N, C-alpha and C. Protein backbone atom coordinates (compact mmCIF):
# COMPACT_ATOMS: atom_id res chain seq x y z
N MET A 1 -49.70 124.90 340.43
CA MET A 1 -50.14 126.15 341.04
C MET A 1 -49.58 127.35 340.29
N LYS A 2 -48.33 127.20 339.76
CA LYS A 2 -47.74 128.31 339.03
C LYS A 2 -48.56 128.65 337.79
N LEU A 3 -49.05 127.61 337.11
CA LEU A 3 -49.87 127.85 335.92
C LEU A 3 -51.14 128.58 336.30
N GLN A 4 -51.77 128.16 337.40
CA GLN A 4 -52.98 128.84 337.83
C GLN A 4 -52.69 130.29 338.18
N SER A 5 -51.53 130.53 338.83
CA SER A 5 -51.16 131.90 339.18
C SER A 5 -50.96 132.74 337.94
N PHE A 6 -50.28 132.18 336.94
CA PHE A 6 -50.05 132.91 335.70
C PHE A 6 -51.36 133.25 335.01
N LEU A 7 -52.27 132.29 334.95
CA LEU A 7 -53.54 132.53 334.28
C LEU A 7 -54.38 133.54 335.05
N SER A 8 -54.30 133.50 336.38
CA SER A 8 -55.06 134.47 337.18
C SER A 8 -54.57 135.88 336.92
N VAL A 9 -53.25 136.05 336.85
CA VAL A 9 -52.69 137.36 336.55
C VAL A 9 -53.10 137.81 335.16
N LEU A 10 -53.10 136.87 334.21
CA LEU A 10 -53.48 137.19 332.84
C LEU A 10 -54.92 137.66 332.77
N VAL A 11 -55.82 136.94 333.43
CA VAL A 11 -57.24 137.32 333.41
C VAL A 11 -57.42 138.70 334.02
N GLY A 12 -56.73 138.96 335.13
CA GLY A 12 -56.82 140.28 335.75
C GLY A 12 -56.33 141.37 334.83
N SER A 13 -55.28 141.07 334.09
CA SER A 13 -54.74 142.04 333.13
C SER A 13 -55.73 142.33 332.03
N LEU A 14 -56.40 141.30 331.53
CA LEU A 14 -57.38 141.49 330.46
C LEU A 14 -58.54 142.35 330.93
N LEU A 15 -59.01 142.11 332.15
CA LEU A 15 -60.13 142.90 332.66
C LEU A 15 -59.72 144.34 332.87
N LEU A 16 -58.48 144.56 333.33
CA LEU A 16 -58.01 145.92 333.54
C LEU A 16 -57.88 146.66 332.22
N HIS A 17 -57.31 145.99 331.21
CA HIS A 17 -57.16 146.62 329.91
C HIS A 17 -58.51 146.91 329.27
N GLY A 18 -59.54 146.14 329.64
CA GLY A 18 -60.85 146.35 329.05
C GLY A 18 -61.46 147.69 329.40
N CYS A 19 -60.91 148.36 330.42
CA CYS A 19 -61.42 149.67 330.82
C CYS A 19 -60.71 150.82 330.12
N ALA A 20 -59.71 150.52 329.31
CA ALA A 20 -58.91 151.57 328.66
C ALA A 20 -59.70 152.28 327.58
N SER A 21 -59.23 153.47 327.22
CA SER A 21 -59.87 154.25 326.15
C SER A 21 -59.72 153.54 324.83
N ARG A 22 -60.76 153.64 323.95
CA ARG A 22 -60.73 152.97 322.66
C ARG A 22 -60.56 153.94 321.51
N SER A 23 -60.17 155.18 321.79
CA SER A 23 -60.02 156.16 320.71
C SER A 23 -58.95 155.72 319.73
N ALA A 24 -57.85 155.16 320.22
CA ALA A 24 -56.79 154.69 319.32
C ALA A 24 -57.28 153.53 318.48
N ASP A 25 -58.14 152.68 319.06
CA ASP A 25 -58.68 151.56 318.31
C ASP A 25 -59.55 152.05 317.16
N ARG A 26 -60.36 153.08 317.40
CA ARG A 26 -61.24 153.58 316.35
C ARG A 26 -60.42 154.20 315.22
N ALA A 27 -59.33 154.88 315.57
CA ALA A 27 -58.46 155.44 314.54
C ALA A 27 -57.83 154.34 313.70
N ALA A 28 -57.45 153.25 314.37
CA ALA A 28 -56.85 152.14 313.64
C ALA A 28 -57.86 151.48 312.72
N ASP A 29 -59.13 151.44 313.15
CA ASP A 29 -60.16 150.81 312.34
C ASP A 29 -60.40 151.55 311.04
N ALA A 30 -60.05 152.85 310.98
CA ALA A 30 -60.26 153.63 309.76
C ALA A 30 -59.29 153.23 308.66
N ARG A 31 -58.20 152.56 309.03
CA ARG A 31 -57.23 152.12 308.04
C ARG A 31 -57.71 150.83 307.40
N PRO A 32 -57.26 150.54 306.17
CA PRO A 32 -57.62 149.27 305.53
C PRO A 32 -57.16 148.10 306.39
N VAL A 33 -57.97 147.05 306.44
CA VAL A 33 -57.65 145.89 307.25
C VAL A 33 -56.92 144.86 306.39
N ALA A 34 -55.73 144.50 306.80
CA ALA A 34 -54.95 143.51 306.07
C ALA A 34 -55.37 142.11 306.49
N GLU A 35 -55.38 141.19 305.54
CA GLU A 35 -55.68 139.80 305.87
C GLU A 35 -54.50 139.23 306.64
N PRO A 36 -54.75 138.61 307.81
CA PRO A 36 -53.65 138.06 308.60
C PRO A 36 -52.86 137.00 307.84
N VAL A 37 -51.60 136.86 308.20
CA VAL A 37 -50.72 135.88 307.57
C VAL A 37 -51.24 134.48 307.85
N ALA A 38 -51.24 133.64 306.83
CA ALA A 38 -51.74 132.28 306.98
C ALA A 38 -50.71 131.40 307.69
N SER A 39 -51.20 130.44 308.45
CA SER A 39 -50.34 129.43 309.04
C SER A 39 -50.09 128.33 308.01
N ALA A 40 -49.18 127.44 308.35
CA ALA A 40 -48.88 126.32 307.45
C ALA A 40 -49.72 125.09 307.78
N ALA A 41 -50.80 125.29 308.52
CA ALA A 41 -51.67 124.18 308.90
C ALA A 41 -52.39 123.62 307.67
N PRO A 42 -52.60 122.30 307.61
CA PRO A 42 -53.33 121.71 306.48
C PRO A 42 -54.73 122.30 306.35
N ALA A 43 -55.11 122.67 305.13
CA ALA A 43 -56.40 123.33 304.91
C ALA A 43 -57.57 122.43 305.26
N GLU A 44 -57.39 121.12 305.12
CA GLU A 44 -58.52 120.21 305.37
C GLU A 44 -58.92 120.17 306.85
N GLY A 45 -58.11 120.72 307.73
CA GLY A 45 -58.47 120.74 309.14
C GLY A 45 -59.29 121.95 309.55
N ARG A 46 -59.58 122.84 308.60
CA ARG A 46 -60.33 124.05 308.92
C ARG A 46 -61.73 123.72 309.43
N MET A 47 -62.18 124.46 310.45
CA MET A 47 -63.51 124.27 310.98
C MET A 47 -64.54 124.80 309.99
N GLN A 48 -65.62 124.06 309.81
CA GLN A 48 -66.65 124.47 308.87
C GLN A 48 -67.97 123.81 309.22
N GLY A 49 -69.03 124.29 308.57
CA GLY A 49 -70.35 123.72 308.80
C GLY A 49 -70.91 124.08 310.17
N TYR A 50 -71.72 123.18 310.71
CA TYR A 50 -72.36 123.37 312.01
C TYR A 50 -71.66 122.49 313.03
N VAL A 51 -71.21 123.09 314.13
CA VAL A 51 -70.48 122.37 315.17
C VAL A 51 -71.29 122.39 316.46
N VAL A 52 -71.60 121.22 316.99
CA VAL A 52 -72.33 121.14 318.26
C VAL A 52 -71.39 121.53 319.40
N LEU A 53 -71.79 122.51 320.19
CA LEU A 53 -70.98 123.00 321.29
C LEU A 53 -71.41 122.43 322.63
N ARG A 54 -72.70 122.26 322.81
CA ARG A 54 -73.21 121.79 324.10
C ARG A 54 -74.61 121.22 323.89
N ARG A 55 -74.91 120.12 324.58
CA ARG A 55 -76.26 119.54 324.50
C ARG A 55 -76.62 118.96 325.87
N TYR A 56 -77.83 119.24 326.30
CA TYR A 56 -78.28 118.74 327.59
C TYR A 56 -79.80 118.60 327.57
N GLN A 57 -80.32 117.78 328.51
CA GLN A 57 -81.77 117.58 328.62
C GLN A 57 -82.28 118.28 329.87
N ASP A 58 -83.45 118.92 329.74
CA ASP A 58 -84.03 119.63 330.87
C ASP A 58 -85.53 119.76 330.67
N ARG A 59 -86.20 120.30 331.67
CA ARG A 59 -87.64 120.55 331.58
C ARG A 59 -87.88 122.02 331.25
N PHE A 60 -88.77 122.27 330.31
CA PHE A 60 -89.07 123.63 329.87
C PHE A 60 -90.57 123.85 329.85
N LYS A 61 -90.98 125.10 330.03
CA LYS A 61 -92.40 125.46 329.93
C LYS A 61 -92.72 125.79 328.48
N VAL A 62 -93.68 125.06 327.90
CA VAL A 62 -94.13 125.29 326.53
C VAL A 62 -95.65 125.38 326.53
N ASP A 63 -96.18 126.53 326.14
CA ASP A 63 -97.64 126.73 326.11
C ASP A 63 -98.28 126.43 327.46
N GLY A 64 -97.60 126.83 328.52
CA GLY A 64 -98.16 126.68 329.85
C GLY A 64 -97.98 125.32 330.49
N ARG A 65 -97.34 124.38 329.80
CA ARG A 65 -97.12 123.07 330.41
C ARG A 65 -95.64 122.71 330.35
N GLU A 66 -95.25 121.85 331.28
CA GLU A 66 -93.84 121.46 331.39
C GLU A 66 -93.55 120.26 330.50
N VAL A 67 -92.53 120.39 329.68
CA VAL A 67 -92.15 119.29 328.78
C VAL A 67 -90.64 119.07 328.88
N VAL A 68 -90.24 117.85 328.54
CA VAL A 68 -88.81 117.51 328.51
C VAL A 68 -88.28 117.79 327.11
N ARG A 69 -87.17 118.50 327.05
CA ARG A 69 -86.55 118.84 325.77
C ARG A 69 -85.04 118.64 325.86
N ASP A 70 -84.45 118.31 324.72
CA ASP A 70 -83.00 118.33 324.58
C ASP A 70 -82.62 119.67 323.97
N ALA A 71 -81.84 120.45 324.70
CA ALA A 71 -81.37 121.75 324.21
C ALA A 71 -79.97 121.58 323.64
N GLU A 72 -79.79 122.06 322.43
CA GLU A 72 -78.49 121.94 321.77
C GLU A 72 -78.01 123.30 321.29
N TYR A 73 -76.83 123.70 321.75
CA TYR A 73 -76.18 124.92 321.27
C TYR A 73 -75.12 124.53 320.25
N GLY A 74 -75.08 125.27 319.15
CA GLY A 74 -74.07 125.01 318.13
C GLY A 74 -73.55 126.30 317.54
N TRP A 75 -72.45 126.19 316.81
CA TRP A 75 -71.88 127.34 316.10
C TRP A 75 -71.96 127.07 314.62
N ASP A 76 -72.57 127.99 313.88
CA ASP A 76 -72.72 127.87 312.43
C ASP A 76 -71.56 128.61 311.76
N TYR A 77 -70.60 127.86 311.25
CA TYR A 77 -69.43 128.48 310.62
C TYR A 77 -69.76 129.13 309.28
N ALA A 78 -70.87 128.77 308.69
CA ALA A 78 -71.25 129.41 307.43
C ALA A 78 -71.75 130.83 307.66
N ARG A 79 -72.34 131.09 308.84
CA ARG A 79 -72.95 132.39 309.12
C ARG A 79 -72.30 133.14 310.27
N GLY A 80 -71.41 132.48 311.01
CA GLY A 80 -70.82 133.13 312.17
C GLY A 80 -71.85 133.41 313.25
N MET A 81 -72.58 132.38 313.66
CA MET A 81 -73.74 132.57 314.53
C MET A 81 -73.89 131.41 315.50
N THR A 82 -74.20 131.74 316.78
CA THR A 82 -74.60 130.73 317.74
C THR A 82 -76.07 130.37 317.49
N VAL A 83 -76.38 129.08 317.53
CA VAL A 83 -77.73 128.59 317.24
C VAL A 83 -78.20 127.72 318.41
N LEU A 84 -79.45 127.90 318.81
CA LEU A 84 -80.07 127.05 319.83
C LEU A 84 -81.15 126.22 319.16
N LYS A 85 -81.01 124.89 319.26
CA LYS A 85 -82.00 123.97 318.72
C LYS A 85 -82.64 123.20 319.87
N MET A 86 -83.95 122.99 319.77
CA MET A 86 -84.68 122.22 320.77
C MET A 86 -85.25 120.97 320.11
N PHE A 87 -85.06 119.82 320.77
CA PHE A 87 -85.55 118.54 320.26
C PHE A 87 -86.47 117.91 321.28
N ASP A 88 -87.49 117.17 320.79
CA ASP A 88 -88.33 116.42 321.72
C ASP A 88 -87.62 115.12 322.09
N THR A 89 -88.26 114.32 322.94
CA THR A 89 -87.61 113.10 323.43
C THR A 89 -87.46 112.04 322.36
N ASP A 90 -88.11 112.21 321.22
CA ASP A 90 -87.94 111.29 320.09
C ASP A 90 -86.87 111.77 319.12
N GLY A 91 -86.22 112.88 319.46
CA GLY A 91 -85.15 113.38 318.62
C GLY A 91 -85.60 114.28 317.49
N ARG A 92 -86.88 114.67 317.47
CA ARG A 92 -87.38 115.55 316.41
C ARG A 92 -87.09 117.01 316.76
N LEU A 93 -86.63 117.76 315.78
CA LEU A 93 -86.37 119.19 315.96
C LEU A 93 -87.70 119.93 316.08
N VAL A 94 -87.90 120.65 317.18
CA VAL A 94 -89.17 121.36 317.38
C VAL A 94 -89.00 122.88 317.29
N SER A 95 -87.78 123.38 317.47
CA SER A 95 -87.55 124.82 317.33
C SER A 95 -86.07 125.09 317.08
N GLU A 96 -85.83 126.23 316.49
CA GLU A 96 -84.45 126.64 316.21
C GLU A 96 -84.40 128.17 316.18
N GLU A 97 -83.42 128.74 316.85
CA GLU A 97 -83.30 130.20 316.86
C GLU A 97 -81.84 130.62 316.91
N ASP A 98 -81.55 131.75 316.29
CA ASP A 98 -80.22 132.33 316.34
C ASP A 98 -80.03 133.04 317.67
N ARG A 99 -78.82 132.94 318.23
CA ARG A 99 -78.49 133.61 319.49
C ARG A 99 -77.21 134.43 319.30
N PRO A 100 -77.32 135.56 318.59
CA PRO A 100 -76.12 136.33 318.23
C PRO A 100 -75.34 136.89 319.41
N GLY A 101 -75.97 137.06 320.54
CA GLY A 101 -75.26 137.64 321.68
C GLY A 101 -74.57 136.63 322.58
N GLU A 102 -74.64 135.35 322.24
CA GLU A 102 -74.10 134.32 323.12
C GLU A 102 -72.80 133.75 322.56
N SER A 103 -71.86 133.47 323.48
CA SER A 103 -70.58 132.89 323.11
C SER A 103 -70.34 131.67 323.99
N LEU A 104 -70.09 130.54 323.38
CA LEU A 104 -69.85 129.31 324.12
C LEU A 104 -68.42 128.84 323.92
N ARG A 105 -67.94 128.07 324.87
CA ARG A 105 -66.57 127.57 324.83
C ARG A 105 -66.32 126.71 323.59
N LEU A 106 -65.05 126.63 323.23
CA LEU A 106 -64.65 125.83 322.08
C LEU A 106 -64.78 124.34 322.39
N THR A 107 -65.01 123.56 321.34
CA THR A 107 -64.99 122.11 321.45
C THR A 107 -63.54 121.62 321.43
N GLU A 108 -63.35 120.34 321.67
CA GLU A 108 -61.99 119.78 321.61
C GLU A 108 -61.41 119.93 320.21
N ALA A 109 -62.25 119.73 319.19
CA ALA A 109 -61.77 119.87 317.81
C ALA A 109 -61.35 121.31 317.51
N GLU A 110 -62.12 122.28 318.02
CA GLU A 110 -61.76 123.68 317.82
C GLU A 110 -60.48 124.04 318.57
N ASN A 111 -60.35 123.53 319.79
CA ASN A 111 -59.12 123.75 320.54
C ASN A 111 -57.91 123.22 319.79
N ALA A 112 -58.05 122.01 319.24
CA ALA A 112 -56.95 121.40 318.51
C ALA A 112 -56.58 122.23 317.28
N ARG A 113 -57.58 122.75 316.58
CA ARG A 113 -57.30 123.56 315.39
C ARG A 113 -56.59 124.85 315.78
N ALA A 114 -57.04 125.49 316.85
CA ALA A 114 -56.40 126.72 317.30
C ALA A 114 -54.93 126.48 317.64
N GLU A 115 -54.64 125.37 318.29
CA GLU A 115 -53.25 125.06 318.63
C GLU A 115 -52.41 124.82 317.39
N VAL A 116 -52.96 124.09 316.42
CA VAL A 116 -52.23 123.85 315.17
C VAL A 116 -51.93 125.16 314.47
N LEU A 117 -52.89 126.08 314.46
CA LEU A 117 -52.70 127.36 313.77
C LEU A 117 -51.56 128.17 314.39
N VAL A 118 -51.46 128.18 315.71
CA VAL A 118 -50.37 128.95 316.33
C VAL A 118 -49.03 128.24 316.18
N ARG A 119 -49.05 126.91 316.27
CA ARG A 119 -47.78 126.17 316.18
C ARG A 119 -47.20 126.20 314.77
N THR A 120 -48.03 126.44 313.76
CA THR A 120 -47.54 126.48 312.38
C THR A 120 -47.50 127.89 311.82
N HIS A 121 -47.72 128.88 312.67
CA HIS A 121 -47.67 130.27 312.22
C HIS A 121 -46.22 130.70 312.02
N PRO A 122 -45.90 131.39 310.93
CA PRO A 122 -44.49 131.72 310.64
C PRO A 122 -43.81 132.57 311.70
N GLN A 123 -44.57 133.37 312.46
CA GLN A 123 -43.97 134.20 313.50
C GLN A 123 -43.94 133.53 314.87
N LEU A 124 -44.63 132.40 315.00
CA LEU A 124 -44.72 131.74 316.30
C LEU A 124 -44.11 130.35 316.34
N ALA A 125 -43.94 129.72 315.20
CA ALA A 125 -43.50 128.32 315.15
C ALA A 125 -42.18 128.10 315.89
N ASP A 126 -41.19 128.94 315.61
CA ASP A 126 -39.88 128.76 316.25
C ASP A 126 -39.95 128.99 317.76
N ILE A 127 -40.84 129.85 318.19
CA ILE A 127 -40.98 130.14 319.62
C ILE A 127 -41.66 128.99 320.35
N LEU A 128 -42.70 128.44 319.75
CA LEU A 128 -43.52 127.44 320.43
C LEU A 128 -43.02 126.02 320.29
N ASN A 129 -42.22 125.75 319.28
CA ASN A 129 -41.81 124.37 319.01
C ASN A 129 -40.39 124.07 319.44
N GLN A 130 -39.83 124.88 320.32
CA GLN A 130 -38.52 124.59 320.87
C GLN A 130 -38.61 123.42 321.85
N PRO A 131 -37.49 122.69 322.03
CA PRO A 131 -37.49 121.61 323.02
C PRO A 131 -37.82 122.16 324.41
N GLY A 132 -38.55 121.38 325.16
CA GLY A 132 -38.93 121.84 326.50
C GLY A 132 -40.38 121.55 326.79
N ASP A 133 -40.87 122.16 327.86
CA ASP A 133 -42.22 121.86 328.35
C ASP A 133 -43.21 122.96 328.02
N THR A 134 -43.13 123.51 326.82
CA THR A 134 -44.07 124.56 326.43
C THR A 134 -45.49 124.01 326.42
N LYS A 135 -46.36 124.65 327.17
CA LYS A 135 -47.76 124.24 327.27
C LYS A 135 -48.65 125.29 326.61
N ILE A 136 -49.69 124.81 325.97
CA ILE A 136 -50.65 125.70 325.31
C ILE A 136 -51.96 125.68 326.09
N TRP A 137 -52.46 126.85 326.43
CA TRP A 137 -53.75 127.00 327.09
C TRP A 137 -54.66 127.79 326.17
N ILE A 138 -55.87 127.27 325.93
CA ILE A 138 -56.76 127.88 324.94
C ILE A 138 -58.12 128.16 325.57
N GLY A 139 -58.67 129.31 325.24
CA GLY A 139 -60.06 129.59 325.58
C GLY A 139 -60.23 130.26 326.93
N GLY A 140 -61.41 130.05 327.52
CA GLY A 140 -61.76 130.74 328.75
C GLY A 140 -62.50 132.02 328.46
N PHE A 141 -62.03 132.78 327.50
CA PHE A 141 -62.67 134.02 327.08
C PHE A 141 -62.76 134.06 325.56
N ILE A 142 -63.90 134.43 325.04
CA ILE A 142 -64.05 134.73 323.62
C ILE A 142 -63.86 136.23 323.46
N LEU A 143 -62.96 136.61 322.58
CA LEU A 143 -62.71 138.03 322.34
C LEU A 143 -63.67 138.51 321.26
N ARG A 144 -64.51 139.48 321.62
CA ARG A 144 -65.47 140.01 320.66
C ARG A 144 -65.69 141.49 320.96
N GLU A 145 -65.39 142.34 319.97
CA GLU A 145 -65.45 143.78 320.15
C GLU A 145 -65.92 144.43 318.85
N PRO A 146 -67.00 145.22 318.88
CA PRO A 146 -67.53 145.82 317.64
C PRO A 146 -66.51 146.63 316.86
N ASP A 147 -65.55 147.27 317.56
CA ASP A 147 -64.57 148.12 316.88
C ASP A 147 -63.34 147.36 316.39
N ASP A 148 -63.23 146.09 316.73
CA ASP A 148 -62.04 145.33 316.33
C ASP A 148 -62.17 144.90 314.87
N PRO A 149 -61.13 145.12 314.04
CA PRO A 149 -61.24 144.75 312.62
C PRO A 149 -61.33 143.26 312.38
N TYR A 150 -60.87 142.45 313.34
CA TYR A 150 -60.88 141.00 313.17
C TYR A 150 -61.89 140.31 314.09
N CYS A 151 -61.96 140.74 315.33
CA CYS A 151 -62.75 140.03 316.34
C CYS A 151 -64.08 140.72 316.63
N LYS A 152 -64.73 141.17 315.60
CA LYS A 152 -66.04 141.80 315.74
C LYS A 152 -67.12 140.72 315.78
N PRO A 153 -68.38 141.09 316.01
CA PRO A 153 -69.46 140.10 316.01
C PRO A 153 -69.45 139.26 314.74
N GLY A 154 -69.65 137.97 314.91
CA GLY A 154 -69.59 137.03 313.80
C GLY A 154 -68.27 136.30 313.72
N SER A 155 -67.28 136.76 314.48
CA SER A 155 -65.99 136.08 314.54
C SER A 155 -66.04 135.01 315.64
N ARG A 156 -65.01 134.19 315.68
CA ARG A 156 -64.86 133.23 316.78
C ARG A 156 -63.40 133.29 317.24
N CYS A 157 -63.08 134.43 317.84
CA CYS A 157 -61.72 134.70 318.30
C CYS A 157 -61.51 134.13 319.71
N VAL A 158 -60.35 133.55 319.91
CA VAL A 158 -60.05 132.94 321.19
C VAL A 158 -58.60 133.23 321.57
N HIS A 159 -58.37 133.36 322.87
CA HIS A 159 -57.02 133.55 323.38
C HIS A 159 -56.26 132.23 323.34
N VAL A 160 -55.01 132.27 322.88
CA VAL A 160 -54.12 131.11 322.91
C VAL A 160 -52.85 131.55 323.63
N ILE A 161 -52.58 130.94 324.76
CA ILE A 161 -51.48 131.36 325.62
C ILE A 161 -50.50 130.21 325.79
N ALA A 162 -49.22 130.50 325.63
CA ALA A 162 -48.17 129.50 325.79
C ALA A 162 -47.26 129.91 326.94
N SER A 163 -46.82 128.90 327.71
CA SER A 163 -45.92 129.18 328.82
C SER A 163 -45.01 127.98 329.06
N LYS A 164 -43.94 128.22 329.81
CA LYS A 164 -43.02 127.17 330.22
C LYS A 164 -42.90 127.17 331.74
N ASP A 165 -42.17 126.18 332.24
CA ASP A 165 -41.91 126.09 333.69
C ASP A 165 -43.20 126.08 334.49
N ASN A 166 -44.13 125.23 334.05
CA ASN A 166 -45.42 125.09 334.74
C ASN A 166 -46.19 126.40 334.85
N GLY A 167 -46.05 127.23 333.82
CA GLY A 167 -46.80 128.48 333.78
C GLY A 167 -46.06 129.66 334.35
N ASP A 168 -44.85 129.44 334.87
CA ASP A 168 -44.10 130.52 335.50
C ASP A 168 -43.45 131.46 334.49
N THR A 169 -43.22 130.96 333.26
CA THR A 169 -42.55 131.75 332.24
C THR A 169 -43.45 131.93 331.03
N PRO A 170 -44.08 133.09 330.84
CA PRO A 170 -44.91 133.32 329.65
C PRO A 170 -44.05 133.27 328.39
N VAL A 171 -44.58 132.66 327.36
CA VAL A 171 -43.86 132.52 326.09
C VAL A 171 -44.55 133.32 324.98
N ALA A 172 -45.85 133.18 324.87
CA ALA A 172 -46.58 133.87 323.80
C ALA A 172 -48.05 133.99 324.18
N HIS A 173 -48.69 135.02 323.64
CA HIS A 173 -50.13 135.23 323.82
C HIS A 173 -50.68 135.70 322.48
N ALA A 174 -51.40 134.82 321.81
CA ALA A 174 -51.93 135.12 320.48
C ALA A 174 -53.46 135.07 320.51
N ILE A 175 -54.05 135.64 319.46
CA ILE A 175 -55.50 135.55 319.26
C ILE A 175 -55.74 134.84 317.93
N VAL A 176 -56.55 133.80 317.97
CA VAL A 176 -56.91 133.04 316.77
C VAL A 176 -58.39 133.26 316.48
N ASP A 177 -58.71 133.53 315.23
CA ASP A 177 -60.11 133.59 314.79
C ASP A 177 -60.38 132.34 313.95
N LEU A 178 -61.18 131.45 314.48
CA LEU A 178 -61.47 130.20 313.77
C LEU A 178 -62.39 130.42 312.58
N MET A 179 -63.10 131.53 312.52
CA MET A 179 -63.90 131.83 311.33
C MET A 179 -62.98 132.11 310.14
N ARG A 180 -61.93 132.86 310.36
CA ARG A 180 -60.95 133.15 309.31
C ARG A 180 -59.94 132.02 309.14
N ASP A 181 -59.83 131.18 310.17
CA ASP A 181 -58.78 130.15 310.21
C ASP A 181 -57.41 130.80 310.18
N ARG A 182 -57.26 131.85 310.99
CA ARG A 182 -56.04 132.64 311.01
C ARG A 182 -55.66 133.03 312.44
N VAL A 183 -54.37 133.19 312.66
CA VAL A 183 -53.88 133.89 313.85
C VAL A 183 -53.97 135.37 313.52
N VAL A 184 -54.88 136.08 314.15
CA VAL A 184 -55.09 137.49 313.79
C VAL A 184 -54.19 138.43 314.59
N TYR A 185 -53.80 138.02 315.80
CA TYR A 185 -52.85 138.78 316.61
C TYR A 185 -51.79 137.81 317.15
N PRO A 186 -50.64 137.65 316.47
CA PRO A 186 -49.62 136.73 316.95
C PRO A 186 -49.02 137.16 318.29
N PHE A 187 -48.90 138.48 318.49
CA PHE A 187 -48.32 139.01 319.73
C PHE A 187 -49.32 140.02 320.30
N TYR A 188 -50.30 139.51 320.99
CA TYR A 188 -51.50 140.25 321.36
C TYR A 188 -51.21 141.55 322.10
N HIS A 189 -50.34 141.52 323.11
CA HIS A 189 -50.11 142.70 323.95
C HIS A 189 -49.13 143.69 323.34
N GLN A 190 -48.47 143.32 322.26
CA GLN A 190 -47.39 144.15 321.73
C GLN A 190 -47.74 144.85 320.42
N GLN A 191 -48.88 144.51 319.81
CA GLN A 191 -49.13 144.98 318.45
C GLN A 191 -49.72 146.39 318.40
N ALA A 192 -49.54 147.05 317.27
CA ALA A 192 -50.04 148.41 317.06
C ALA A 192 -51.55 148.44 317.22
N GLY A 193 -52.06 149.58 317.71
CA GLY A 193 -53.50 149.70 317.93
C GLY A 193 -53.92 149.22 319.29
N ASN A 194 -52.96 148.73 320.12
CA ASN A 194 -53.24 148.29 321.48
C ASN A 194 -54.41 147.33 321.55
N PRO A 195 -54.32 146.16 320.88
CA PRO A 195 -55.44 145.22 320.92
C PRO A 195 -55.75 144.72 322.32
N SER A 196 -54.79 144.85 323.26
CA SER A 196 -55.07 144.41 324.62
C SER A 196 -56.13 145.27 325.29
N GLY A 197 -56.52 146.38 324.67
CA GLY A 197 -57.59 147.19 325.20
C GLY A 197 -58.96 146.69 324.82
N LYS A 198 -59.02 145.64 324.01
CA LYS A 198 -60.30 145.10 323.57
C LYS A 198 -60.95 144.30 324.69
N ARG A 199 -62.24 144.16 324.60
CA ARG A 199 -63.02 143.47 325.62
C ARG A 199 -63.05 141.97 325.33
N SER A 200 -63.01 141.17 326.39
CA SER A 200 -63.14 139.73 326.27
C SER A 200 -64.45 139.30 326.89
N GLU A 201 -65.17 138.41 326.23
CA GLU A 201 -66.44 137.91 326.74
C GLU A 201 -66.23 136.54 327.35
N LYS A 202 -66.75 136.33 328.55
CA LYS A 202 -66.64 135.03 329.18
C LYS A 202 -67.52 134.04 328.43
N SER A 203 -66.97 132.88 328.13
CA SER A 203 -67.72 131.85 327.43
C SER A 203 -68.52 131.04 328.43
N SER A 204 -69.69 130.61 328.00
CA SER A 204 -70.51 129.80 328.89
C SER A 204 -70.36 128.34 328.57
């Protein structure tokens, strides 16, 4: 219950910060954007290519008649784009379209990569890898903001939150962009430019 309480407070904080003024953010965006520090994670684990996020079968109206289709949502790491593919019952691709405004939850593989990136980050490793019951919670909200130098459209930024004592003791709150394969905000609420004022999008 403590973990749920901590996460509820965190979500409320994010929504409250989302109403803050963004004038400071725009001023920060005028400065050159530095490439975030790399983690020590093995490069071969980087997410790439097309990743299936969700697939389900349903009935759809096509040319005035109802047909059964398999709908598949995926993330294209080459283009930074959500893609919707439709297949017939024989598995043939019948349509494909880009869905730039949609954000879907991370897969297990993406979650694992995000955790590795924070655990091997030079500013976070000592904090997160101490003996004890440090737990990592990932996702729930995709951070996407047009004015953000890292988490703008085309990114795949996700919240990574660490806590101890069953969620009663916050340890760290970072933002990972899986497109860059980087921790872009190691200390999300504390960094210059007030990144906590950025908007978070609920993942479907």
